[in-house]
Amino acid sequence: MSFVRELWRFIVARKKFWLIPVMLVMALLGSLIVLAEGSAVAPFIYTLF
């Protein structure tokens, strides 16, 4: 949790607010890959990419 807090302080201090959508998209794609790893939905997700 301290990593998230430190990252947030960096974004605010350096005014790099464009990093927020990048991090959100990366988190969503990562969670999608983790959730679909062993399921029957995996072949349908792989066709998206």
N, C-alpha and C. Protein backbone atom coordinates (compact mmCIF):
# COMPACT_ATOMS: atom_id res chain seq x y z
N MET A 1 0.83 -1.19 0.00
CA MET A 1 0.00 0.00 0.00
C MET A 1 0.87 1.26 0.00
N SER A 2 2.06 1.16 0.55
CA SER A 2 2.93 2.34 0.57
C SER A 2 3.39 2.70 -0.83
N PHE A 3 3.48 1.71 -1.72
CA PHE A 3 3.85 1.99 -3.10
C PHE A 3 2.81 2.86 -3.78
N VAL A 4 1.54 2.56 -3.55
CA VAL A 4 0.46 3.36 -4.14
C VAL A 4 0.49 4.77 -3.59
N ARG A 5 0.72 4.90 -2.30
CA ARG A 5 0.78 6.22 -1.68
C ARG A 5 1.96 7.03 -2.23
N GLU A 6 3.09 6.37 -2.38
CA GLU A 6 4.27 7.05 -2.92
C GLU A 6 4.07 7.42 -4.39
N LEU A 7 3.44 6.56 -5.15
CA LEU A 7 3.15 6.85 -6.54
C LEU A 7 2.21 8.05 -6.66
N TRP A 8 1.20 8.09 -5.81
CA TRP A 8 0.25 9.21 -5.83
C TRP A 8 0.96 10.52 -5.49
N ARG A 9 1.84 10.50 -4.49
CA ARG A 9 2.58 11.71 -4.13
C ARG A 9 3.48 12.17 -5.28
N PHE A 10 4.09 11.22 -5.99
CA PHE A 10 4.92 11.56 -7.14
C PHE A 10 4.08 12.23 -8.22
N ILE A 11 2.91 11.65 -8.52
CA ILE A 11 2.04 12.19 -9.57
C ILE A 11 1.61 13.62 -9.23
N VAL A 12 1.24 13.84 -7.97
CA VAL A 12 0.78 15.18 -7.56
C VAL A 12 1.95 16.16 -7.54
N ALA A 13 3.10 15.74 -7.02
CA ALA A 13 4.24 16.65 -6.89
C ALA A 13 4.78 17.05 -8.26
N ARG A 14 4.86 16.10 -9.17
CA ARG A 14 5.43 16.38 -10.49
C ARG A 14 4.39 16.80 -11.53
N LYS A 15 3.12 16.81 -11.11
CA LYS A 15 2.00 17.19 -11.97
C LYS A 15 1.96 16.33 -13.25
N LYS A 16 2.08 15.04 -13.05
CA LYS A 16 2.04 14.09 -14.16
C LYS A 16 0.70 13.34 -14.12
N PHE A 17 -0.37 14.09 -14.25
CA PHE A 17 -1.71 13.51 -14.14
C PHE A 17 -2.06 12.61 -15.31
N TRP A 18 -1.30 12.69 -16.40
CA TRP A 18 -1.55 11.82 -17.54
C TRP A 18 -1.20 10.37 -17.22
N LEU A 19 -0.47 10.13 -16.13
CA LEU A 19 -0.12 8.77 -15.74
C LEU A 19 -1.30 8.00 -15.15
N ILE A 20 -2.30 8.71 -14.65
CA ILE A 20 -3.44 8.04 -14.00
C ILE A 20 -4.20 7.15 -14.98
N PRO A 21 -4.60 7.63 -16.17
CA PRO A 21 -5.29 6.72 -17.10
C PRO A 21 -4.41 5.57 -17.57
N VAL A 22 -3.12 5.82 -17.72
CA VAL A 22 -2.21 4.75 -18.14
C VAL A 22 -2.17 3.64 -17.09
N MET A 23 -2.07 4.03 -15.83
CA MET A 23 -2.04 3.04 -14.74
C MET A 23 -3.37 2.29 -14.64
N LEU A 24 -4.48 2.99 -14.84
CA LEU A 24 -5.78 2.33 -14.77
C LEU A 24 -5.95 1.30 -15.89
N VAL A 25 -5.55 1.65 -17.09
CA VAL A 25 -5.66 0.72 -18.21
C VAL A 25 -4.76 -0.50 -17.98
N MET A 26 -3.55 -0.26 -17.48
CA MET A 26 -2.65 -1.37 -17.20
C MET A 26 -3.23 -2.30 -16.12
N ALA A 27 -3.84 -1.72 -15.10
CA ALA A 27 -4.44 -2.53 -14.04
C ALA A 27 -5.63 -3.33 -14.56
N LEU A 28 -6.45 -2.71 -15.40
CA LEU A 28 -7.60 -3.42 -15.96
C LEU A 28 -7.18 -4.56 -16.87
N LEU A 29 -6.19 -4.33 -17.72
CA LEU A 29 -5.72 -5.39 -18.60
C LEU A 29 -5.06 -6.51 -17.80
N GLY A 30 -4.31 -6.15 -16.79
CA GLY A 30 -3.68 -7.17 -15.94
C GLY A 30 -4.69 -8.01 -15.21
N SER A 31 -5.72 -7.38 -14.67
CA SER A 31 -6.76 -8.15 -13.96
C SER A 31 -7.55 -9.01 -14.93
N LEU A 32 -7.78 -8.53 -16.14
CA LEU A 32 -8.47 -9.32 -17.15
C LEU A 32 -7.68 -10.57 -17.50
N ILE A 33 -6.39 -10.43 -17.64
CA ILE A 33 -5.55 -11.59 -17.96
C ILE A 33 -5.53 -12.58 -16.80
N VAL A 34 -5.44 -12.08 -15.58
CA VAL A 34 -5.40 -12.97 -14.42
C VAL A 34 -6.73 -13.71 -14.26
N LEU A 35 -7.83 -13.01 -14.44
CA LEU A 35 -9.13 -13.65 -14.26
C LEU A 35 -9.45 -14.66 -15.36
N ALA A 36 -8.96 -14.42 -16.56
CA ALA A 36 -9.30 -15.28 -17.69
C ALA A 36 -8.26 -16.38 -17.91
N GLU A 37 -7.30 -16.48 -17.05
CA GLU A 37 -6.20 -17.41 -17.27
C GLU A 37 -6.67 -18.86 -17.34
N GLY A 38 -7.54 -19.27 -16.48
CA GLY A 38 -7.92 -20.67 -16.46
C GLY A 38 -9.39 -20.90 -16.76
N SER A 39 -10.05 -19.95 -17.35
CA SER A 39 -11.49 -20.10 -17.56
C SER A 39 -11.81 -20.46 -19.00
N ALA A 40 -13.06 -20.75 -19.24
CA ALA A 40 -13.52 -21.09 -20.58
C ALA A 40 -13.70 -19.85 -21.44
N VAL A 41 -13.60 -18.69 -20.84
CA VAL A 41 -13.77 -17.44 -21.58
C VAL A 41 -12.45 -17.02 -22.24
N ALA A 42 -11.35 -17.63 -21.88
CA ALA A 42 -10.02 -17.24 -22.37
C ALA A 42 -9.93 -17.18 -23.90
N PRO A 43 -10.43 -18.15 -24.67
CA PRO A 43 -10.30 -18.04 -26.13
C PRO A 43 -11.00 -16.81 -26.70
N PHE A 44 -12.08 -16.38 -26.09
CA PHE A 44 -12.80 -15.20 -26.59
C PHE A 44 -12.05 -13.92 -26.27
N ILE A 45 -11.36 -13.89 -25.13
CA ILE A 45 -10.60 -12.71 -24.74
C ILE A 45 -9.37 -12.58 -25.65
N TYR A 46 -8.75 -13.69 -25.98
CA TYR A 46 -7.55 -13.64 -26.83
C TYR A 46 -7.87 -13.14 -28.23
N THR A 47 -9.10 -13.29 -28.69
CA THR A 47 -9.44 -12.78 -30.01
C THR A 47 -9.53 -11.25 -30.01
N LEU A 48 -9.70 -10.64 -28.85
CA LEU A 48 -9.76 -9.18 -28.77
C LEU A 48 -8.41 -8.55 -29.07
N PHE A 49 -7.36 -9.28 -28.76
CA PHE A 49 -6.01 -8.74 -28.93
C PHE A 49 -5.38 -9.32 -30.16
